[in-house]
Amino acid sequence: MTIPTSQFVDALKRWRPWVVRGLLCSVFCISQAAAQTPLRIDITGVGTRQIPVAVAPFDSTEPALKFSRTITDVIRADLARSGVISIVDAGTPTPALNERTPTAPLFVEWKQKGAQAVVIGSNSISADGRVETRFILLDTLRNESLGGLAINAPSSELEARRTGHRIADFVYEKLTGEPGFFATRLAFVRKDADVYSLVVSDSDGQNTQIALRSKEPLISLAWSPDGTQLAYVSFEERNGVNKPIVYVHTLASGKRAIVANERGSNSAPAWSPDGKRLAVVLTRDGNSQIYLVNADGSGIRRVSRTNGIDTEPTFSPDGKTIYFTSDRGGSAQIYRVPVEGGEAQRVTFNAAFNARPQVSPDGRYLAYITRKEKQFRVGVMELSSQQETIVSDGPKDDSPSFAPNSKWIIYSSQLKGRNVLSAVSLDGKLRTRLSAGESEVKGPAWGRLP
């Protein structure tokens, strides 16, 4: 028996409070304006075993010296917040080390200093003013080089940070066997007084950019697969009425387009893996149901057909299946249905409330919000075994989103009654917290760089 719609909505209100306030508030847009407050990252949990790594200052001279310092700082900070790597103080070697330095003597020297791996490199300025960064990673236990890269980039602070993230990804993958997650981007909603901002930042909370400011809530952020666009829901006044409308926002140009503005509510956008379509939730035919729509807003087609509420869709990585939340079985649970339509299959059975599904990019895991002992927490299910792991502490966690490498999840949480962001590894052991001073931050989405 399906529970009344009002009860299901009340359940959603308790763990998604910004949705409720969405009907109260007009919009002014600032495209790509710099935000003033970067996120602060605190490491709240680390692995039981950490790999000690030294990152030597990159060999360079003016005018590339500042670029080098930024790269070194970013690499060290990224690796430290991974939770599985500890940083060995590299000091200031004299003479400076670079990728051309004979490697044999370095293995013994850095092993004696406690480093199992060492990053050394250099920067040079080309005739056109660009910076060429070269580095190698040395394994002091095996006395061998694990390789390196040559990266050519404009000589800006932004590009120095991006170069540092790429190097950190390389080091992380070589040492752990898993893809890195540092050269990625976050999107989230920041609230200051009565203003909501759609903010985009690097994965470490730096290089913040405001894509949109609004006096109404912004919710349900979703990155396009290529990292160039964000879909979201904005409660904007049209014809004297505030209503939820789905937009697609192109970050490079600041332009946005309406994708769904049907009668009633338009919500919960999710991109298909090929970026050509979105799944959205509409009430134009009655209760909330799932529809497919082309990325330009054309070709709306209904997918689900029930007498209850179907909401919060997300695609499987192969694009063949949609996971979603529904009350069709009497309580909020997660189901899946073929994109072309058909019989829905229930996925979660472990608690009386499971919602907000997100499938990992590798297709192996499902993250969601589950209610345990009256607290809303992040659960992770391995889809092949149905094994569940609770990776957050509650009490009001929300909006899980996988990193592009499928190994980390970012989500909304609360710290002393204030909304912050938290990131956690799949096993729940490695954790970081992201906050923005006195501002509240919520509704994160983790995406790739374009």
Protein backbone atom coordinates (compact mmCIF):
# COMPACT_ATOMS: atom_id res chain seq x y z
CA MET A 1 0.00 0.00 0.00
CA THR A 2 1.39 3.41 -0.97
CA ILE A 3 1.72 5.92 1.83
CA PRO A 4 0.04 9.33 1.39
CA THR A 5 2.05 11.87 -0.58
CA SER A 6 2.08 14.30 2.34
CA GLN A 7 3.86 11.80 4.58
CA PHE A 8 6.53 11.11 1.98
CA VAL A 9 7.08 14.83 1.40
CA ASP A 10 7.30 15.39 5.16
CA ALA A 11 10.03 12.74 5.33
CA LEU A 12 11.93 14.46 2.56
CA LYS A 13 11.55 17.82 4.32
CA ARG A 14 13.33 16.56 7.39
CA TRP A 15 16.50 15.74 5.48
CA ARG A 16 16.29 18.27 2.62
CA PRO A 17 15.18 21.47 4.38
CA TRP A 18 16.25 23.83 1.60
CA VAL A 19 13.66 22.31 -0.70
CA VAL A 20 10.90 23.45 1.63
CA ARG A 21 12.06 27.06 1.67
CA GLY A 22 12.36 27.13 -2.09
CA LEU A 23 8.89 28.50 -2.66
CA LEU A 24 9.53 31.64 -0.63
CA CYS A 25 11.94 33.51 -2.58
CA SER A 26 14.02 36.72 -7.48
CA VAL A 27 17.31 36.27 -9.20
CA PHE A 28 20.35 38.21 -10.19
CA CYS A 29 23.16 36.51 -12.07
CA ILE A 30 26.90 37.06 -11.78
CA SER A 31 28.76 34.91 -14.29
CA GLN A 32 32.18 33.62 -13.20
CA ALA A 33 32.73 36.34 -10.58
CA ALA A 34 35.44 35.48 -8.08
CA ALA A 35 34.21 34.36 -4.67
CA GLN A 36 35.96 35.82 -1.64
CA THR A 37 36.11 32.85 0.72
CA PRO A 38 37.77 29.57 -0.29
CA LEU A 39 36.76 26.42 1.52
CA ARG A 40 38.84 25.36 4.49
CA ILE A 41 39.76 21.67 4.58
CA ASP A 42 40.28 19.83 7.86
CA ILE A 43 41.51 16.23 7.86
CA THR A 44 39.31 14.35 10.34
CA GLY A 45 40.38 10.76 9.65
CA VAL A 46 43.46 9.05 8.18
CA GLY A 47 44.44 5.55 7.19
CA THR A 48 46.03 3.07 9.57
CA ARG A 49 49.05 2.91 7.26
CA GLN A 50 50.42 5.92 5.44
CA ILE A 51 53.10 6.07 2.75
CA PRO A 52 55.80 8.64 3.63
CA VAL A 53 56.57 10.84 0.63
CA ALA A 54 58.94 13.78 0.20
CA VAL A 55 58.21 16.54 -2.31
CA ALA A 56 61.35 18.53 -2.94
CA PRO A 57 61.05 22.19 -4.01
CA PHE A 58 61.00 22.28 -7.81
CA ASP A 59 64.20 23.64 -9.31
CA SER A 60 63.54 27.01 -10.94
CA THR A 61 64.64 30.61 -11.17
CA GLU A 62 62.75 33.86 -11.62
CA PRO A 63 60.26 34.38 -13.15
CA ALA A 64 59.13 30.76 -12.58
CA LEU A 65 59.96 30.71 -8.86
CA LYS A 66 56.45 31.61 -7.64
CA PHE A 67 54.95 29.06 -10.03
CA SER A 68 57.23 26.39 -8.54
CA ARG A 69 56.32 27.29 -4.97
CA THR A 70 52.63 26.99 -5.75
CA ILE A 71 53.10 23.61 -7.42
CA THR A 72 55.07 22.24 -4.48
CA ASP A 73 52.53 23.51 -1.93
CA VAL A 74 49.59 22.04 -3.87
CA ILE A 75 51.22 18.62 -4.30
CA ARG A 76 52.01 18.38 -0.60
CA ALA A 77 48.54 19.52 0.48
CA ASP A 78 46.77 17.16 -1.92
CA LEU A 79 48.75 14.12 -0.88
CA ALA A 80 48.35 14.94 2.82
CA ARG A 81 44.55 15.17 2.58
CA SER A 82 44.35 11.82 0.81
CA GLY A 83 44.68 10.17 4.21
CA VAL A 84 46.99 7.46 2.87
CA ILE A 85 50.14 9.54 2.32
CA SER A 86 52.18 11.44 4.91
CA ILE A 87 54.57 14.21 3.92
CA VAL A 88 58.25 13.99 4.85
CA ASP A 89 59.94 17.36 5.29
CA ALA A 90 62.12 17.79 2.22
CA GLY A 91 63.85 20.93 3.49
CA THR A 92 65.72 22.94 0.84
CA PRO A 93 68.27 20.67 -0.83
CA THR A 94 71.49 22.36 -1.96
CA PRO A 95 72.05 22.30 -4.83
CA ALA A 96 68.42 22.12 -5.89
CA LEU A 97 67.16 18.77 -7.18
CA ASN A 98 65.53 18.28 -10.54
CA GLU A 99 64.49 15.44 -12.84
CA ARG A 100 67.99 15.37 -14.36
CA THR A 101 69.72 14.82 -11.02
CA PRO A 102 71.51 11.43 -10.91
CA THR A 103 69.05 9.11 -9.16
CA ALA A 104 71.24 6.38 -7.65
CA PRO A 105 72.57 8.45 -4.69
CA LEU A 106 69.08 9.82 -3.99
CA PHE A 107 67.56 6.43 -3.19
CA VAL A 108 69.77 5.86 -0.15
CA GLU A 109 69.69 9.48 1.01
CA TRP A 110 65.88 9.81 1.02
CA LYS A 111 65.30 6.33 2.37
CA GLN A 112 67.46 7.28 5.37
CA LYS A 113 65.24 10.35 5.84
CA GLY A 114 62.19 8.09 6.05
CA ALA A 115 60.73 8.75 2.59
CA GLN A 116 59.53 5.74 0.63
CA ALA A 117 59.03 7.96 -2.43
CA VAL A 118 60.39 11.32 -3.59
CA VAL A 119 59.05 13.82 -6.10
CA ILE A 120 61.67 16.01 -7.80
CA GLY A 121 61.25 18.34 -10.76
CA SER A 122 61.86 21.68 -12.39
CA ASN A 123 60.14 24.60 -14.11
CA SER A 124 61.38 26.70 -17.00
CA ILE A 125 59.89 29.60 -18.95
CA SER A 126 59.60 29.21 -22.73
CA ALA A 127 59.95 32.01 -25.28
CA ASP A 128 56.19 32.47 -25.45
CA GLY A 129 55.94 32.96 -21.68
CA ARG A 130 54.51 29.54 -20.85
CA VAL A 131 55.90 27.32 -18.10
CA GLU A 132 57.18 23.84 -18.76
CA THR A 133 57.06 21.59 -15.70
CA ARG A 134 58.97 18.31 -15.62
CA PHE A 135 59.14 15.84 -12.74
CA ILE A 136 59.89 12.24 -11.81
CA LEU A 137 58.74 10.05 -8.92
CA LEU A 138 61.41 7.91 -7.24
CA ASP A 139 60.65 4.73 -5.28
CA THR A 140 63.34 4.50 -2.60
CA LEU A 141 62.35 0.98 -1.52
CA ARG A 142 62.78 -0.53 -4.98
CA ASN A 143 65.51 1.87 -6.08
CA GLU A 144 63.70 2.76 -9.28
CA SER A 145 61.93 5.59 -11.03
CA LEU A 146 58.16 5.29 -11.32
CA GLY A 147 58.09 7.71 -14.24
CA GLY A 148 57.07 11.30 -14.63
CA LEU A 149 55.42 13.87 -16.87
CA ALA A 150 56.16 17.03 -18.80
CA ILE A 151 53.34 19.61 -18.51
CA ASN A 152 53.20 22.86 -20.48
CA ALA A 153 50.85 25.56 -19.14
CA PRO A 154 50.32 29.33 -19.03
CA SER A 155 52.26 31.07 -16.25
CA SER A 156 49.31 31.89 -13.96
CA GLU A 157 48.48 31.00 -10.37
CA LEU A 158 45.44 29.05 -11.58
CA GLU A 159 47.52 26.96 -13.98
CA ALA A 160 50.18 26.39 -11.34
CA ARG A 161 47.51 24.95 -9.04
CA ARG A 162 46.10 22.77 -11.81
CA THR A 163 49.59 21.50 -12.64
CA GLY A 164 50.12 20.66 -8.98
CA HIS A 165 46.83 18.73 -8.88
CA ARG A 166 47.80 16.73 -11.98
CA ILE A 167 51.15 15.82 -10.47
CA ALA A 168 49.47 14.80 -7.20
CA ASP A 169 47.10 12.56 -9.20
CA PHE A 170 50.08 10.91 -10.89
CA VAL A 171 51.85 10.30 -7.59
CA TYR A 172 48.71 9.03 -5.86
CA GLU A 173 47.96 6.52 -8.63
CA LYS A 174 51.52 5.23 -8.83
CA LEU A 175 51.72 4.69 -5.07
CA THR A 176 48.21 3.37 -4.38
CA GLY A 177 47.18 1.77 -7.67
CA GLU A 178 44.00 3.87 -7.74
CA PRO A 179 43.21 6.91 -9.90
CA GLY A 180 43.70 10.27 -8.22
CA PHE A 181 40.90 12.74 -7.52
CA PHE A 182 42.74 16.04 -7.09
CA ALA A 183 42.45 17.51 -10.62
CA THR A 184 38.66 17.67 -10.31
CA ARG A 185 36.05 20.29 -9.43
CA LEU A 186 33.33 20.79 -6.85
CA ALA A 187 30.05 22.64 -7.19
CA PHE A 188 27.99 23.56 -4.15
CA VAL A 189 25.53 26.12 -2.84
CA ARG A 190 26.74 28.72 -0.37
CA LYS A 191 24.30 30.69 1.76
CA ASP A 192 25.15 34.13 3.15
CA ALA A 193 22.25 35.81 4.95
CA ASP A 194 19.40 35.71 2.41
CA VAL A 195 21.58 35.17 -0.69
CA TYR A 196 22.30 31.79 -2.27
CA SER A 197 25.38 31.40 -4.48
CA LEU A 198 26.19 28.63 -6.92
CA VAL A 199 29.92 28.16 -6.37
CA VAL A 200 32.48 26.18 -8.34
CA SER A 201 35.91 25.38 -6.90
CA ASP A 202 38.87 23.07 -7.32
CA SER A 203 38.72 19.84 -5.34
CA ASP A 204 40.69 21.44 -2.50
CA GLY A 205 38.19 24.30 -2.13
CA GLN A 206 40.51 26.85 -3.75
CA ASN A 207 39.97 28.91 -6.92
CA THR A 208 36.32 29.55 -6.01
CA GLN A 209 34.09 31.08 -8.67
CA ILE A 210 30.50 32.26 -8.30
CA ALA A 211 28.43 31.16 -11.28
CA LEU A 212 25.10 32.51 -10.01
CA ARG A 213 23.65 34.49 -7.12
CA SER A 214 19.99 34.25 -6.20
CA LYS A 215 17.58 35.30 -3.48
CA GLU A 216 15.88 31.91 -3.74
CA PRO A 217 17.36 28.51 -2.97
CA LEU A 218 19.35 26.65 -5.62
CA ILE A 219 19.25 22.86 -5.32
CA SER A 220 19.98 19.55 -7.09
CA LEU A 221 23.31 20.41 -8.72
CA ALA A 222 24.49 17.99 -11.41
CA TRP A 223 27.67 18.16 -13.52
CA SER A 224 27.58 17.36 -17.21
CA PRO A 225 29.87 14.44 -18.10
CA ASP A 226 32.37 16.72 -19.86
CA GLY A 227 32.60 19.14 -16.93
CA THR A 228 31.50 22.20 -18.91
CA GLN A 229 27.92 22.59 -17.65
CA LEU A 230 25.86 22.37 -14.49
CA ALA A 231 22.19 21.49 -14.29
CA TYR A 232 20.27 22.68 -11.25
CA VAL A 233 16.88 23.73 -9.93
CA SER A 234 16.15 27.39 -9.25
CA PHE A 235 12.99 28.73 -7.62
CA GLU A 236 12.46 31.81 -9.74
CA GLU A 237 9.51 34.17 -10.03
CA ARG A 238 7.72 33.83 -13.34
CA ASN A 239 4.34 35.43 -13.99
CA GLY A 240 4.11 36.37 -10.33
CA VAL A 241 4.67 32.81 -9.07
CA ASN A 242 7.77 31.21 -7.58
CA LYS A 243 8.21 27.73 -8.98
CA PRO A 244 11.04 25.22 -9.39
CA ILE A 245 12.56 25.27 -12.88
CA VAL A 246 15.42 23.15 -14.25
CA TYR A 247 18.28 25.07 -15.86
CA VAL A 248 21.48 24.09 -17.66
CA HIS A 249 24.30 26.55 -17.04
CA THR A 250 27.35 26.76 -19.34
CA LEU A 251 30.18 27.82 -17.04
CA ALA A 252 32.61 29.25 -19.62
CA SER A 253 30.08 31.71 -21.03
CA GLY A 254 27.80 32.17 -18.02
CA LYS A 255 24.80 31.48 -20.25
CA ARG A 256 21.96 29.35 -18.94
CA ALA A 257 18.97 27.77 -20.62
CA ILE A 258 15.69 26.38 -19.33
CA VAL A 259 15.47 22.62 -19.75
CA ALA A 260 12.21 21.94 -17.90
CA ASN A 261 9.50 24.50 -17.09
CA GLU A 262 6.36 22.41 -17.29
CA ARG A 263 3.15 22.95 -15.35
CA GLY A 264 3.72 22.26 -11.66
CA SER A 265 7.11 21.26 -10.27
CA ASN A 266 10.31 20.64 -12.27
CA SER A 267 13.14 19.11 -10.28
CA ALA A 268 16.03 16.67 -9.72
CA PRO A 269 18.01 16.82 -13.00
CA ALA A 270 20.52 14.07 -13.78
CA TRP A 271 22.73 13.84 -16.88
CA SER A 272 22.93 10.79 -19.09
CA PRO A 273 26.51 9.51 -19.49
CA ASP A 274 26.70 10.77 -23.08
CA GLY A 275 25.56 14.26 -22.06
CA LYS A 276 22.74 14.29 -24.62
CA ARG A 277 19.79 13.90 -22.24
CA LEU A 278 18.71 14.56 -18.71
CA ALA A 279 16.35 12.71 -16.42
CA VAL A 280 14.07 15.15 -14.60
CA VAL A 281 11.12 14.90 -12.22
CA LEU A 282 7.89 16.59 -13.28
CA THR A 283 4.40 16.85 -11.81
CA ARG A 284 2.72 17.97 -15.03
CA ASP A 285 0.60 14.78 -15.15
CA GLY A 286 -0.11 14.54 -11.42
CA ASN A 287 2.33 13.07 -8.88
CA SER A 288 6.09 13.41 -9.25
CA GLN A 289 7.26 11.12 -12.05
CA ILE A 290 10.50 10.64 -13.97
CA TYR A 291 10.88 11.94 -17.53
CA LEU A 292 13.67 12.11 -20.06
CA VAL A 293 14.41 15.34 -21.89
CA ASN A 294 17.03 16.32 -24.44
CA ALA A 295 19.76 18.67 -23.21
CA ASP A 296 18.15 21.52 -25.18
CA GLY A 297 14.77 20.98 -23.47
CA SER A 298 13.09 19.17 -26.36
CA GLY A 299 11.66 15.66 -26.63
CA ILE A 300 10.15 15.10 -23.18
CA ARG A 301 9.29 11.42 -22.61
CA ARG A 302 7.83 9.84 -19.50
CA VAL A 303 9.73 6.90 -17.97
CA SER A 304 7.93 5.97 -14.73
CA ARG A 305 4.21 5.43 -14.20
CA THR A 306 2.94 4.96 -10.64
CA ASN A 307 0.34 6.41 -8.34
CA GLY A 308 3.00 7.38 -5.82
CA ILE A 309 6.08 9.61 -5.89
CA ASP A 310 9.05 8.74 -8.12
CA THR A 311 11.93 11.19 -7.74
CA GLU A 312 15.72 11.75 -7.58
CA PRO A 313 16.82 9.84 -10.70
CA THR A 314 20.42 8.99 -11.52
CA PHE A 315 21.85 7.06 -14.47
CA SER A 316 24.02 3.97 -14.41
CA PRO A 317 27.39 4.58 -16.15
CA ASP A 318 26.33 2.59 -19.23
CA GLY A 319 23.22 4.78 -19.61
CA LYS A 320 20.87 1.81 -19.71
CA THR A 321 19.36 2.07 -16.21
CA ILE A 322 17.91 4.80 -14.02
CA TYR A 323 18.04 4.48 -10.23
CA PHE A 324 15.48 6.56 -8.33
CA THR A 325 13.62 7.08 -5.04
CA SER A 326 10.00 5.98 -4.76
CA ASP A 327 7.35 5.38 -2.10
CA ARG A 328 5.51 2.81 -4.23
CA GLY A 329 6.22 0.06 -1.69
CA GLY A 330 4.96 2.00 1.33
CA SER A 331 8.13 3.89 2.30
CA ALA A 332 10.93 5.80 0.60
CA GLN A 333 13.19 3.22 -1.07
CA ILE A 334 15.52 3.04 -4.07
CA TYR A 335 14.48 1.32 -7.29
CA ARG A 336 15.90 0.93 -10.77
CA VAL A 337 14.19 0.82 -14.14
CA PRO A 338 15.43 0.46 -17.75
CA VAL A 339 15.82 3.80 -19.50
CA GLU A 340 13.48 2.62 -22.24
CA GLY A 341 10.83 1.84 -19.62
CA GLY A 342 9.57 -1.36 -18.07
CA GLU A 343 9.16 -2.99 -14.68
CA ALA A 344 10.95 -1.27 -11.79
CA GLN A 345 13.05 -3.37 -9.41
CA ARG A 346 13.54 -2.50 -5.76
CA VAL A 347 17.20 -2.17 -4.73
CA THR A 348 17.25 -1.25 -1.00
CA PHE A 349 15.71 -3.27 1.83
CA ASN A 350 17.99 -2.49 4.76
CA ALA A 351 16.08 0.37 6.43
CA ALA A 352 12.67 2.04 6.48
CA PHE A 353 14.02 5.07 4.63
CA ASN A 354 16.54 5.06 1.78
CA ALA A 355 16.74 7.92 -0.72
CA ARG A 356 18.93 10.21 -2.86
CA PRO A 357 20.72 7.47 -4.88
CA GLN A 358 23.99 8.10 -6.71
CA VAL A 359 25.81 5.44 -8.76
CA SER A 360 29.61 5.48 -8.78
CA PRO A 361 31.24 6.30 -12.13
CA ASP A 362 32.68 2.77 -12.29
CA GLY A 363 29.20 1.28 -11.75
CA ARG A 364 30.21 -0.79 -8.74
CA TYR A 365 28.65 1.16 -5.88
CA LEU A 366 25.45 2.94 -4.91
CA ALA A 367 25.58 5.80 -2.40
CA TYR A 368 22.39 7.03 -0.74
CA ILE A 369 20.90 8.55 2.40
CA THR A 370 19.60 6.01 4.88
CA ARG A 371 17.84 6.52 8.21
CA LYS A 372 19.50 4.65 11.05
CA GLU A 373 18.35 5.13 14.65
CA LYS A 374 16.52 8.34 13.70
CA GLN A 375 19.63 9.79 12.02
CA PHE A 376 20.17 10.42 8.31
CA ARG A 377 23.53 8.99 7.25
CA VAL A 378 25.37 8.11 4.04
CA GLY A 379 25.26 4.46 3.08
CA VAL A 380 27.31 2.77 0.35
CA MET A 381 26.17 -0.50 -1.23
CA GLU A 382 28.33 -2.71 -3.40
CA LEU A 383 25.80 -3.55 -6.09
CA SER A 384 27.13 -7.01 -6.91
CA SER A 385 26.99 -8.28 -3.32
CA GLN A 386 24.34 -5.93 -1.84
CA GLN A 387 26.77 -5.37 1.04
CA GLU A 388 26.17 -2.04 2.82
CA THR A 389 28.67 0.17 4.62
CA ILE A 390 27.61 3.24 6.62
CA VAL A 391 30.31 5.86 6.01
CA SER A 392 29.01 8.96 7.83
CA ASP A 393 27.95 9.77 11.37
CA GLY A 394 24.81 11.86 10.81
CA PRO A 395 22.60 13.20 12.19
CA LYS A 396 21.46 15.14 9.09
CA ASP A 397 23.66 14.10 6.19
CA ASP A 398 22.48 14.73 2.64
CA SER A 399 23.33 14.92 -1.07
CA PRO A 400 26.07 12.30 -1.61
CA SER A 401 28.16 12.67 -4.78
CA PHE A 402 30.97 10.42 -6.01
CA ALA A 403 34.40 11.67 -7.03
CA PRO A 404 35.22 10.90 -10.67
CA ASN A 405 37.56 8.11 -9.49
CA SER A 406 34.67 6.39 -7.61
CA LYS A 407 36.77 6.13 -4.43
CA TRP A 408 35.51 9.15 -2.47
CA ILE A 409 32.11 10.68 -1.70
CA ILE A 410 31.32 14.27 -0.81
CA TYR A 411 28.09 15.09 1.02
CA SER A 412 26.34 17.73 3.09
CA SER A 413 26.64 17.44 6.86
CA GLN A 414 26.21 19.54 9.96
CA LEU A 415 28.80 20.80 12.42
CA LYS A 416 27.42 22.45 15.55
CA GLY A 417 24.18 23.20 13.74
CA ARG A 418 25.90 24.74 10.70
CA ASN A 419 25.88 23.22 7.21
CA VAL A 420 29.33 22.13 5.98
CA LEU A 421 30.62 19.64 3.42
CA SER A 422 32.34 16.37 4.26
CA ALA A 423 34.28 13.93 2.10
CA VAL A 424 34.79 10.28 2.94
CA SER A 425 36.45 7.23 1.41
CA LEU A 426 34.35 4.21 0.42
CA ASP A 427 35.23 2.34 3.61
CA GLY A 428 34.46 5.35 5.80
CA LYS A 429 37.95 5.45 7.35
CA LEU A 430 39.44 8.47 5.56
CA ARG A 431 37.61 11.75 6.08
CA THR A 432 37.95 15.46 5.47
CA ARG A 433 35.65 18.37 6.24
CA LEU A 434 35.18 21.50 4.11
CA SER A 435 33.78 24.70 5.58
CA ALA A 436 33.47 28.33 4.46
CA GLY A 437 33.88 30.51 7.50
CA GLU A 438 30.56 31.90 8.66
CA SER A 439 28.83 30.90 5.43
CA GLU A 440 26.79 27.72 5.14
CA VAL A 441 27.57 25.33 2.30
CA LYS A 442 25.34 22.54 1.04
CA GLY A 443 24.28 20.37 -1.89
CA PRO A 444 27.69 19.39 -3.35
CA ALA A 445 28.36 17.79 -6.72
CA TRP A 446 31.76 16.38 -7.68
CA GLY A 447 32.78 16.71 -11.35
CA ARG A 448 35.72 16.46 -13.68
CA LEU A 449 37.74 19.30 -15.18
CA PRO A 450 36.72 20.16 -18.77
